Amino acid sequence: MDRFLRKKMFDLFKQQPWLAHREEKLNKLIDMCDDISDIDMIFDLLSRFKYVGIESLSIHLRDIVDHINEEFGEEAFSFQLCAATADGDADSGQSILYAFKSEPISEILLEDFILTNSLSRAIKIMDQRKNIILLDEFAGTGETIVSRIKSIRGREKELKNKNNHNFSCKVSVCLVAAMDSAVELIKKYADDVYSSIVLKKGITDEVDFNKRDVSIFRMLSLEESFVKDKKFYRLGYGQSEALYFREKGNIPNNVFPVFWSKNKIDDKNWKPLFYRKE
């Protein structure tokens, strides 16, 4: 690597120190680029990644708890804090719910709230705790959260028809991070939405208008180096163009796949910048 690129890389590490231990993988990604313009685009995107480390996650969780206490504290006895998980399988929603049990977070959360580890469990006890706050780490398109809300509304309708025509529930959604388009979609279905971090599309919303189309073309060209299986999403799932990563977390498939796809054509030893567990 020439001195110019080394300088660019160290400048990037100054902005994003957490990338420094990924230098070898980053070099592989640079080698994949066709020219300096591709490299500049990759470096620009990485410089704008929203990285959530262990300490900053605690800050964002406190922010969410403050919102919950302020908005729903007087009705805490009627609320469940529920992982936005369909069943008991481990996922990001479960990890956020578990973090709510940690000492610094549980100390500031009002005691009347109860924690429920899956939506299926939350729905079963809606006749006792009718209001639900869905917790998750990240919303890329908002589609998954909306499907969870629809399940809750279906149960609400059942209870209204069966027992009490006046029965109604509140559904709130609290997220560590979300794309702004996801927040807007969820707002159409939930009574309240709060995301501690709100992100825009990495190219479409953040790159200068005169360079936007060229940047999209360059990214799509880089994506041609990867196998297009059913888990490969151009520009990220839902074309989200997300730039987000949580330390010790599973990088969302809404992020540009050049950063996480394991299936590079003609390179069985390829190791992406970020590991993603499907």
C-alpha atoms as a PDB file:
ATOM      1  CA  MET A   1       0.000   0.000   0.000  1.00  0.00           C
ATOM      2  CA  ASP A   2       1.402   3.392  -0.963  1.00  0.00           C
ATOM      3  CA  ARG A   3       1.930   6.240   1.498  1.00  0.00           C
ATOM      4  CA  PHE A   4      -1.142   8.119   0.269  1.00  0.00           C
ATOM      5  CA  LEU A   5      -3.468   5.231   1.090  1.00  0.00           C
ATOM      6  CA  ARG A   6      -1.716   4.587   4.392  1.00  0.00           C
ATOM      7  CA  LYS A   7      -2.337   8.207   5.337  1.00  0.00           C
ATOM      8  CA  LYS A   8      -6.018   7.910   4.389  1.00  0.00           C
ATOM      9  CA  MET A   9      -6.344   4.743   6.434  1.00  0.00           C
ATOM     10  CA  PHE A  10      -4.763   6.241   9.548  1.00  0.00           C
ATOM     11  CA  ASP A  11      -6.962   9.321   9.189  1.00  0.00           C
ATOM     12  CA  LEU A  12      -9.946   6.957   9.130  1.00  0.00           C
ATOM     13  CA  PHE A  13      -8.702   5.175  12.259  1.00  0.00           C
ATOM     14  CA  LYS A  14      -8.472   8.526  14.025  1.00  0.00           C
ATOM     15  CA  GLN A  15     -12.175   9.092  13.262  1.00  0.00           C
ATOM     16  CA  GLN A  16     -13.195   5.485  13.924  1.00  0.00           C
ATOM     17  CA  PRO A  17     -10.656   3.905  16.328  1.00  0.00           C
ATOM     18  CA  TRP A  18     -12.722   0.722  16.581  1.00  0.00           C
ATOM     19  CA  LEU A  19     -11.781  -0.050  12.943  1.00  0.00           C
ATOM     20  CA  ALA A  20      -8.047  -0.260  13.687  1.00  0.00           C
ATOM     21  CA  HIS A  21      -8.097  -3.944  14.679  1.00  0.00           C
ATOM     22  CA  ARG A  22      -9.862  -4.725  11.390  1.00  0.00           C
ATOM     23  CA  GLU A  23      -7.003  -3.356   9.288  1.00  0.00           C
ATOM     24  CA  GLU A  24      -6.239  -6.629   7.516  1.00  0.00           C
ATOM     25  CA  LYS A  25      -9.850  -7.077   6.441  1.00  0.00           C
ATOM     26  CA  LEU A  26     -10.042  -3.447   5.394  1.00  0.00           C
ATOM     27  CA  ASN A  27      -6.965  -3.946   3.192  1.00  0.00           C
ATOM     28  CA  LYS A  28      -8.776  -6.818   1.454  1.00  0.00           C
ATOM     29  CA  LEU A  29     -11.764  -4.574   0.841  1.00  0.00           C
ATOM     30  CA  ILE A  30      -9.491  -1.882  -0.603  1.00  0.00           C
ATOM     31  CA  ASP A  31      -7.843  -4.434  -2.906  1.00  0.00           C
ATOM     32  CA  MET A  32     -11.285  -5.269  -4.263  1.00  0.00           C
ATOM     33  CA  CYS A  33     -11.865  -1.669  -5.371  1.00  0.00           C
ATOM     34  CA  ASP A  34     -11.352  -0.781  -9.030  1.00  0.00           C
ATOM     35  CA  ASP A  35      -9.818   2.647  -8.520  1.00  0.00           C
ATOM     36  CA  ILE A  36      -9.182   5.457  -6.068  1.00  0.00           C
ATOM     37  CA  SER A  37     -12.763   6.730  -6.450  1.00  0.00           C
ATOM     38  CA  ASP A  38     -14.087   3.400  -5.162  1.00  0.00           C
ATOM     39  CA  ILE A  39     -11.663   3.578  -2.252  1.00  0.00           C
ATOM     40  CA  ASP A  40     -12.696   7.153  -1.461  1.00  0.00           C
ATOM     41  CA  MET A  41     -16.337   6.053  -1.397  1.00  0.00           C
ATOM     42  CA  ILE A  42     -15.603   3.143   0.959  1.00  0.00           C
ATOM     43  CA  PHE A  43     -13.583   5.356   3.286  1.00  0.00           C
ATOM     44  CA  ASP A  44     -16.277   8.023   3.280  1.00  0.00           C
ATOM     45  CA  LEU A  45     -18.963   5.478   4.197  1.00  0.00           C
ATOM     46  CA  LEU A  46     -16.833   3.958   6.955  1.00  0.00           C
ATOM     47  CA  SER A  47     -16.094   7.409   8.359  1.00  0.00           C
ATOM     48  CA  ARG A  48     -19.847   7.910   8.768  1.00  0.00           C
ATOM     49  CA  PHE A  49     -20.634   4.527  10.345  1.00  0.00           C
ATOM     50  CA  LYS A  50     -22.585   4.845  13.579  1.00  0.00           C
ATOM     51  CA  TYR A  51     -20.645   2.638  15.951  1.00  0.00           C
ATOM     52  CA  VAL A  52     -22.202   1.709  19.300  1.00  0.00           C
ATOM     53  CA  GLY A  53     -19.664   0.394  21.787  1.00  0.00           C
ATOM     54  CA  ILE A  54     -20.416  -1.204  25.140  1.00  0.00           C
ATOM     55  CA  GLU A  55     -20.244   2.084  27.045  1.00  0.00           C
ATOM     56  CA  SER A  56     -22.238   4.059  24.499  1.00  0.00           C
ATOM     57  CA  LEU A  57     -24.900   1.321  24.417  1.00  0.00           C
ATOM     58  CA  SER A  58     -25.463   1.928  28.123  1.00  0.00           C
ATOM     59  CA  ILE A  59     -25.965   5.634  27.395  1.00  0.00           C
ATOM     60  CA  HIS A  60     -28.527   4.915  24.691  1.00  0.00           C
ATOM     61  CA  LEU A  61     -30.370   2.454  26.955  1.00  0.00           C
ATOM     62  CA  ARG A  62     -30.544   5.091  29.683  1.00  0.00           C
ATOM     63  CA  ASP A  63     -31.952   7.477  27.100  1.00  0.00           C
ATOM     64  CA  ILE A  64     -34.660   4.921  26.233  1.00  0.00           C
ATOM     65  CA  VAL A  65     -35.473   4.297  29.919  1.00  0.00           C
ATOM     66  CA  ASP A  66     -35.816   8.038  30.507  1.00  0.00           C
ATOM     67  CA  HIS A  67     -38.323   8.178  27.635  1.00  0.00           C
ATOM     68  CA  ILE A  68     -40.271   5.182  29.000  1.00  0.00           C
ATOM     69  CA  ASN A  69     -40.394   6.550  32.548  1.00  0.00           C
ATOM     70  CA  GLU A  70     -41.452   9.996  31.368  1.00  0.00           C
ATOM     71  CA  GLU A  71     -44.079   8.887  28.868  1.00  0.00           C
ATOM     72  CA  PHE A  72     -45.555   5.864  30.650  1.00  0.00           C
ATOM     73  CA  GLY A  73     -44.421   6.010  34.283  1.00  0.00           C
ATOM     74  CA  GLU A  74     -47.864   6.851  35.660  1.00  0.00           C
ATOM     75  CA  GLU A  75     -49.307   3.769  33.900  1.00  0.00           C
ATOM     76  CA  ALA A  76     -46.335   1.454  34.534  1.00  0.00           C
ATOM     77  CA  PHE A  77     -48.549  -1.081  36.328  1.00  0.00           C
ATOM     78  CA  SER A  78     -50.366  -1.787  33.030  1.00  0.00           C
ATOM     79  CA  PHE A  79     -47.282  -2.089  30.785  1.00  0.00           C
ATOM     80  CA  GLN A  80     -45.027  -4.900  29.630  1.00  0.00           C
ATOM     81  CA  LEU A  81     -41.549  -4.203  28.299  1.00  0.00           C
ATOM     82  CA  CYS A  82     -41.295  -6.859  25.615  1.00  0.00           C
ATOM     83  CA  ALA A  83     -38.470  -7.984  23.347  1.00  0.00           C
ATOM     84  CA  ALA A  84     -39.650  -7.587  19.756  1.00  0.00           C
ATOM     85  CA  THR A  85     -39.036 -11.299  19.288  1.00  0.00           C
ATOM     86  CA  ALA A  86     -41.730 -13.552  17.889  1.00  0.00           C
ATOM     87  CA  ASP A  87     -40.767 -16.475  20.132  1.00  0.00           C
ATOM     88  CA  GLY A  88     -37.994 -17.360  22.568  1.00  0.00           C
ATOM     89  CA  ASP A  89     -35.167 -17.458  20.020  1.00  0.00           C
ATOM     90  CA  ALA A  90     -32.129 -15.303  20.780  1.00  0.00           C
ATOM     91  CA  ASP A  91     -31.946 -12.100  18.750  1.00  0.00           C
ATOM     92  CA  SER A  92     -31.156  -8.400  19.142  1.00  0.00           C
ATOM     93  CA  GLY A  93     -34.460  -7.714  20.900  1.00  0.00           C
ATOM     94  CA  GLN A  94     -33.620 -10.323  23.510  1.00  0.00           C
ATOM     95  CA  SER A  95     -30.179  -8.825  24.052  1.00  0.00           C
ATOM     96  CA  ILE A  96     -31.641  -5.347  24.643  1.00  0.00           C
ATOM     97  CA  LEU A  97     -34.242  -6.725  27.071  1.00  0.00           C
ATOM     98  CA  TYR A  98     -31.495  -8.568  28.941  1.00  0.00           C
ATOM     99  CA  ALA A  99     -29.503  -5.325  29.162  1.00  0.00           C
ATOM    100  CA  PHE A 100     -32.522  -3.756  30.872  1.00  0.00           C
ATOM    101  CA  LYS A 101     -31.895  -6.194  33.733  1.00  0.00           C
ATOM    102  CA  SER A 102     -28.355  -4.928  34.257  1.00  0.00           C
ATOM    103  CA  GLU A 103     -27.627  -2.930  37.388  1.00  0.00           C
ATOM    104  CA  PRO A 104     -27.237   0.620  35.964  1.00  0.00           C
ATOM    105  CA  ILE A 105     -30.382   0.327  33.835  1.00  0.00           C
ATOM    106  CA  SER A 106     -32.655  -1.576  36.229  1.00  0.00           C
ATOM    107  CA  GLU A 107     -31.885   0.955  38.958  1.00  0.00           C
ATOM    108  CA  ILE A 108     -33.538   3.796  37.020  1.00  0.00           C
ATOM    109  CA  LEU A 109     -36.418   1.816  35.461  1.00  0.00           C
ATOM    110  CA  LEU A 110     -39.621   2.179  37.461  1.00  0.00           C
ATOM    111  CA  GLU A 111     -40.351  -1.056  39.338  1.00  0.00           C
ATOM    112  CA  ASP A 112     -43.961  -1.409  38.190  1.00  0.00           C
ATOM    113  CA  PHE A 113     -42.899  -2.282  34.641  1.00  0.00           C
ATOM    114  CA  ILE A 114     -42.492  -6.010  33.971  1.00  0.00           C
ATOM    115  CA  LEU A 115     -40.150  -7.562  31.402  1.00  0.00           C
ATOM    116  CA  THR A 116     -41.426 -10.140  28.903  1.00  0.00           C
ATOM    117  CA  ASN A 117     -38.957 -12.047  26.737  1.00  0.00           C
ATOM    118  CA  SER A 118     -41.091 -12.677  23.644  1.00  0.00           C
ATOM    119  CA  LEU A 119     -44.144 -11.357  21.854  1.00  0.00           C
ATOM    120  CA  SER A 120     -45.925 -14.724  22.091  1.00  0.00           C
ATOM    121  CA  ARG A 121     -45.633 -14.542  25.895  1.00  0.00           C
ATOM    122  CA  ALA A 122     -46.682 -10.876  25.984  1.00  0.00           C
ATOM    123  CA  ILE A 123     -49.810 -11.548  23.959  1.00  0.00           C
ATOM    124  CA  LYS A 124     -50.877 -14.352  26.317  1.00  0.00           C
ATOM    125  CA  ILE A 125     -50.950 -12.032  29.325  1.00  0.00           C
ATOM    126  CA  MET A 126     -52.488  -8.984  27.642  1.00  0.00           C
ATOM    127  CA  ASP A 127     -55.652  -9.530  29.665  1.00  0.00           C
ATOM    128  CA  GLN A 128     -53.519  -8.751  32.752  1.00  0.00           C
ATOM    129  CA  ARG A 129     -50.983  -6.306  31.263  1.00  0.00           C
ATOM    130  CA  LYS A 130     -52.657  -4.841  28.234  1.00  0.00           C
ATOM    131  CA  ASN A 131     -50.113  -2.213  27.165  1.00  0.00           C
ATOM    132  CA  ILE A 132     -46.876  -3.226  25.460  1.00  0.00           C
ATOM    133  CA  ILE A 133     -43.578  -1.482  24.795  1.00  0.00           C
ATOM    134  CA  LEU A 134     -41.649  -3.373  22.106  1.00  0.00           C
ATOM    135  CA  LEU A 135     -37.860  -3.233  22.530  1.00  0.00           C
ATOM    136  CA  ASP A 136     -35.336  -3.852  19.783  1.00  0.00           C
ATOM    137  CA  GLU A 137     -31.848  -2.819  18.829  1.00  0.00           C
ATOM    138  CA  PHE A 138     -32.308  -1.767  15.220  1.00  0.00           C
ATOM    139  CA  ALA A 139     -35.074  -1.187  12.674  1.00  0.00           C
ATOM    140  CA  GLY A 140     -33.977  -1.046   9.045  1.00  0.00           C
ATOM    141  CA  THR A 141     -37.227  -1.001   7.089  1.00  0.00           C
ATOM    142  CA  GLY A 142     -39.635  -1.238  10.046  1.00  0.00           C
ATOM    143  CA  GLU A 143     -41.438  -4.185   8.448  1.00  0.00           C
ATOM    144  CA  THR A 144     -40.653  -6.649  11.257  1.00  0.00           C
ATOM    145  CA  ILE A 145     -41.812  -4.246  13.958  1.00  0.00           C
ATOM    146  CA  VAL A 146     -45.014  -3.515  12.037  1.00  0.00           C
ATOM    147  CA  SER A 147     -45.742  -7.259  11.810  1.00  0.00           C
ATOM    148  CA  ARG A 148     -45.342  -7.512  15.605  1.00  0.00           C
ATOM    149  CA  ILE A 149     -47.725  -4.591  16.132  1.00  0.00           C
ATOM    150  CA  LYS A 150     -50.291  -6.222  13.858  1.00  0.00           C
ATOM    151  CA  SER A 151     -50.130  -9.380  16.009  1.00  0.00           C
ATOM    152  CA  ILE A 152     -50.790  -7.285  19.103  1.00  0.00           C
ATOM    153  CA  ARG A 153     -53.697  -5.513  17.417  1.00  0.00           C
ATOM    154  CA  GLY A 154     -55.128  -8.900  16.449  1.00  0.00           C
ATOM    155  CA  ARG A 155     -55.043 -10.016  20.075  1.00  0.00           C
ATOM    156  CA  GLU A 156     -56.551  -6.677  21.121  1.00  0.00           C
ATOM    157  CA  LYS A 157     -59.476  -7.329  18.768  1.00  0.00           C
ATOM    158  CA  GLU A 158     -59.962 -10.848  20.170  1.00  0.00           C
ATOM    159  CA  LEU A 159     -60.110  -9.589  23.756  1.00  0.00           C
ATOM    160  CA  LYS A 160     -62.443  -6.770  22.781  1.00  0.00           C
ATOM    161  CA  ASN A 161     -64.881  -9.173  21.116  1.00  0.00           C
ATOM    162  CA  LYS A 162     -64.615 -11.857  23.783  1.00  0.00           C
ATOM    163  CA  ASN A 163     -64.651 -10.008  27.071  1.00  0.00           C
ATOM    164  CA  ASN A 164     -64.853  -6.288  26.907  1.00  0.00           C
ATOM    165  CA  HIS A 165     -65.989  -4.105  24.034  1.00  0.00           C
ATOM    166  CA  ASN A 166     -64.151  -1.206  25.660  1.00  0.00           C
ATOM    167  CA  PHE A 167     -60.818  -3.066  25.759  1.00  0.00           C
ATOM    168  CA  SER A 168     -57.959  -1.218  24.087  1.00  0.00           C
ATOM    169  CA  CYS A 169     -54.202  -1.278  24.412  1.00  0.00           C
ATOM    170  CA  LYS A 170     -51.297   1.046  23.811  1.00  0.00           C
ATOM    171  CA  VAL A 171     -48.346  -0.098  21.726  1.00  0.00           C
ATOM    172  CA  SER A 172     -45.048   1.731  21.972  1.00  0.00           C
ATOM    173  CA  VAL A 173     -41.780   0.925  20.197  1.00  0.00           C
ATOM    174  CA  CYS A 174     -38.359   1.793  21.621  1.00  0.00           C
ATOM    175  CA  LEU A 175     -35.181   1.246  19.627  1.00  0.00           C
ATOM    176  CA  VAL A 176     -31.487   1.845  20.060  1.00  0.00           C
ATOM    177  CA  ALA A 177     -31.202   2.821  16.390  1.00  0.00           C
ATOM    178  CA  ALA A 178     -33.408   3.003  13.305  1.00  0.00           C
ATOM    179  CA  MET A 179     -33.455   4.307   9.775  1.00  0.00           C
ATOM    180  CA  ASP A 180     -35.601   7.423   9.558  1.00  0.00           C
ATOM    181  CA  SER A 181     -37.854   5.775   6.969  1.00  0.00           C
ATOM    182  CA  ALA A 182     -38.456   2.881   9.387  1.00  0.00           C
ATOM    183  CA  VAL A 183     -39.467   5.299  12.135  1.00  0.00           C
ATOM    184  CA  GLU A 184     -41.961   6.968   9.809  1.00  0.00           C
ATOM    185  CA  LEU A 185     -43.490   3.617   8.839  1.00  0.00           C
ATOM    186  CA  ILE A 186     -43.789   2.417  12.443  1.00  0.00           C
ATOM    187  CA  LYS A 187     -45.482   5.689  13.425  1.00  0.00           C
ATOM    188  CA  LYS A 188     -48.447   4.687  11.246  1.00  0.00           C
ATOM    189  CA  TYR A 189     -49.116   1.636  13.434  1.00  0.00           C
ATOM    190  CA  ALA A 190     -47.786   2.385  16.923  1.00  0.00           C
ATOM    191  CA  ASP A 191     -49.045   4.838  19.523  1.00  0.00           C
ATOM    192  CA  ASP A 192     -45.501   5.954  20.254  1.00  0.00           C
ATOM    193  CA  VAL A 193     -42.092   5.429  18.608  1.00  0.00           C
ATOM    194  CA  TYR A 194     -38.745   6.382  20.073  1.00  0.00           C
ATOM    195  CA  SER A 195     -35.299   5.687  18.645  1.00  0.00           C
ATOM    196  CA  SER A 196     -32.219   6.913  20.469  1.00  0.00           C
ATOM    197  CA  ILE A 197     -30.354   7.052  17.136  1.00  0.00           C
ATOM    198  CA  VAL A 198     -32.007   7.943  13.822  1.00  0.00           C
ATOM    199  CA  LEU A 199     -30.058   7.294  10.624  1.00  0.00           C
ATOM    200  CA  LYS A 200     -30.373   8.350   7.008  1.00  0.00           C
ATOM    201  CA  LYS A 201     -29.415   6.355   3.915  1.00  0.00           C
ATOM    202  CA  GLY A 202     -25.639   6.342   3.583  1.00  0.00           C
ATOM    203  CA  ILE A 203     -25.526   7.427  -0.058  1.00  0.00           C
ATOM    204  CA  THR A 204     -28.961   8.571  -1.189  1.00  0.00           C
ATOM    205  CA  ASP A 205     -29.524  10.930   1.747  1.00  0.00           C
ATOM    206  CA  GLU A 206     -25.956  11.903   2.626  1.00  0.00           C
ATOM    207  CA  VAL A 207     -23.924  12.201  -0.593  1.00  0.00           C
ATOM    208  CA  ASP A 208     -24.011  15.397  -2.627  1.00  0.00           C
ATOM    209  CA  PHE A 209     -26.746  15.293  -5.288  1.00  0.00           C
ATOM    210  CA  ASN A 210     -24.233  15.655  -8.136  1.00  0.00           C
ATOM    211  CA  LYS A 211     -22.263  12.611  -6.940  1.00  0.00           C
ATOM    212  CA  ARG A 212     -25.130  10.440  -5.685  1.00  0.00           C
ATOM    213  CA  ASP A 213     -25.927   8.457  -8.828  1.00  0.00           C
ATOM    214  CA  VAL A 214     -22.253   7.770  -9.508  1.00  0.00           C
ATOM    215  CA  SER A 215     -21.762   6.527  -5.943  1.00  0.00           C
ATOM    216  CA  ILE A 216     -24.763   4.203  -6.207  1.00  0.00           C
ATOM    217  CA  PHE A 217     -23.409   2.866  -9.522  1.00  0.00           C
ATOM    218  CA  ARG A 218     -19.990   2.292  -7.981  1.00  0.00           C
ATOM    219  CA  MET A 219     -21.455   0.450  -5.007  1.00  0.00           C
ATOM    220  CA  LEU A 220     -23.612  -1.760  -7.229  1.00  0.00           C
ATOM    221  CA  SER A 221     -20.522  -2.529  -9.306  1.00  0.00           C
ATOM    222  CA  LEU A 222     -18.594  -3.597  -6.192  1.00  0.00           C
ATOM    223  CA  GLU A 223     -21.513  -5.810  -5.208  1.00  0.00           C
ATOM    224  CA  GLU A 224     -21.020  -7.748  -8.462  1.00  0.00           C
ATOM    225  CA  SER A 225     -18.016  -9.394  -6.783  1.00  0.00           C
ATOM    226  CA  PHE A 226     -20.346 -11.337  -4.487  1.00  0.00           C
ATOM    227  CA  VAL A 227     -22.610 -14.351  -4.946  1.00  0.00           C
ATOM    228  CA  LYS A 228     -26.215 -13.185  -5.308  1.00  0.00           C
ATOM    229  CA  ASP A 229     -27.945 -15.761  -3.126  1.00  0.00           C
ATOM    230  CA  LYS A 230     -31.286 -15.255  -1.396  1.00  0.00           C
ATOM    231  CA  LYS A 231     -29.575 -13.611   1.610  1.00  0.00           C
ATOM    232  CA  PHE A 232     -27.736 -11.007  -0.468  1.00  0.00           C
ATOM    233  CA  TYR A 233     -29.534  -7.675  -0.619  1.00  0.00           C
ATOM    234  CA  ARG A 234     -28.440  -4.942  -3.019  1.00  0.00           C
ATOM    235  CA  LEU A 235     -27.550  -1.819  -1.013  1.00  0.00           C
ATOM    236  CA  GLY A 236     -28.708  -3.692   2.106  1.00  0.00           C
ATOM    237  CA  TYR A 237     -32.090  -5.235   2.848  1.00  0.00           C
ATOM    238  CA  GLY A 238     -34.850  -2.972   1.555  1.00  0.00           C
ATOM    239  CA  GLN A 239     -32.114  -0.881  -0.113  1.00  0.00           C
ATOM    240  CA  SER A 240     -31.674   0.696   3.307  1.00  0.00           C
ATOM    241  CA  GLU A 241     -28.049   1.802   2.769  1.00  0.00           C
ATOM    242  CA  ALA A 242     -27.516   1.549   6.525  1.00  0.00           C
ATOM    243  CA  LEU A 243     -24.243   2.447   8.254  1.00  0.00           C
ATOM    244  CA  TYR A 244     -24.575   0.955  11.730  1.00  0.00           C
ATOM    245  CA  PHE A 245     -22.679  -1.502  13.902  1.00  0.00           C
ATOM    246  CA  ARG A 246     -22.884  -2.448  17.577  1.00  0.00           C
ATOM    247  CA  GLU A 247     -19.875  -3.995  19.276  1.00  0.00           C
ATOM    248  CA  LYS A 248     -20.549  -7.647  20.146  1.00  0.00           C
ATOM    249  CA  GLY A 249     -23.722  -7.467  18.033  1.00  0.00           C
ATOM    250  CA  ASN A 250     -24.828  -8.977  14.735  1.00  0.00           C
ATOM    251  CA  ILE A 251     -24.488  -6.395  11.991  1.00  0.00           C
ATOM    252  CA  PRO A 252     -27.915  -5.785  10.360  1.00  0.00           C
ATOM    253  CA  ASN A 253     -28.461  -7.014   6.808  1.00  0.00           C
ATOM    254  CA  ASN A 254     -29.682  -3.472   6.056  1.00  0.00           C
ATOM    255  CA  VAL A 255     -26.021  -2.414   5.940  1.00  0.00           C
ATOM    256  CA  PHE A 256     -24.318  -2.380   2.527  1.00  0.00           C
ATOM    257  CA  PRO A 257     -23.448  -6.060   1.885  1.00  0.00           C
ATOM    258  CA  VAL A 258     -19.871  -5.321   0.732  1.00  0.00           C
ATOM    259  CA  PHE A 259     -19.138  -4.852   4.430  1.00  0.00           C
ATOM    260  CA  TRP A 260     -20.586  -8.169   5.649  1.00  0.00           C
ATOM    261  CA  SER A 261     -21.212 -10.671   2.825  1.00  0.00           C
ATOM    262  CA  LYS A 262     -19.101 -13.833   3.205  1.00  0.00           C
ATOM    263  CA  ASN A 263     -19.686 -15.154  -0.311  1.00  0.00           C
ATOM    264  CA  LYS A 264     -17.211 -13.443  -2.610  1.00  0.00           C
ATOM    265  CA  ILE A 265     -16.964 -14.886  -6.105  1.00  0.00           C
ATOM    266  CA  ASP A 266     -13.699 -16.787  -6.741  1.00  0.00           C
ATOM    267  CA  ASP A 267     -12.398 -16.248  -3.187  1.00  0.00           C
ATOM    268  CA  LYS A 268     -13.253 -18.986  -0.703  1.00  0.00           C
ATOM    269  CA  ASN A 269     -10.938 -17.401   1.884  1.00  0.00           C
ATOM    270  CA  TRP A 270     -12.700 -14.032   1.829  1.00  0.00           C
ATOM    271  CA  LYS A 271     -13.360 -12.582   5.272  1.00  0.00           C
ATOM    272  CA  PRO A 272     -15.669  -9.548   5.338  1.00  0.00           C
ATOM    273  CA  LEU A 273     -15.018  -6.468   7.423  1.00  0.00           C
ATOM    274  CA  PHE A 274     -17.923  -7.440   9.716  1.00  0.00           C
ATOM    275  CA  TYR A 275     -19.119 -10.898  10.666  1.00  0.00           C
ATOM    276  CA  ARG A 276     -22.841 -11.544  10.255  1.00  0.00           C
ATOM    277  CA  LYS A 277     -24.650 -14.582  11.611  1.00  0.00           C
ATOM    278  CA  GLU A 278     -27.698 -15.418   9.481  1.00  0.00           C
END
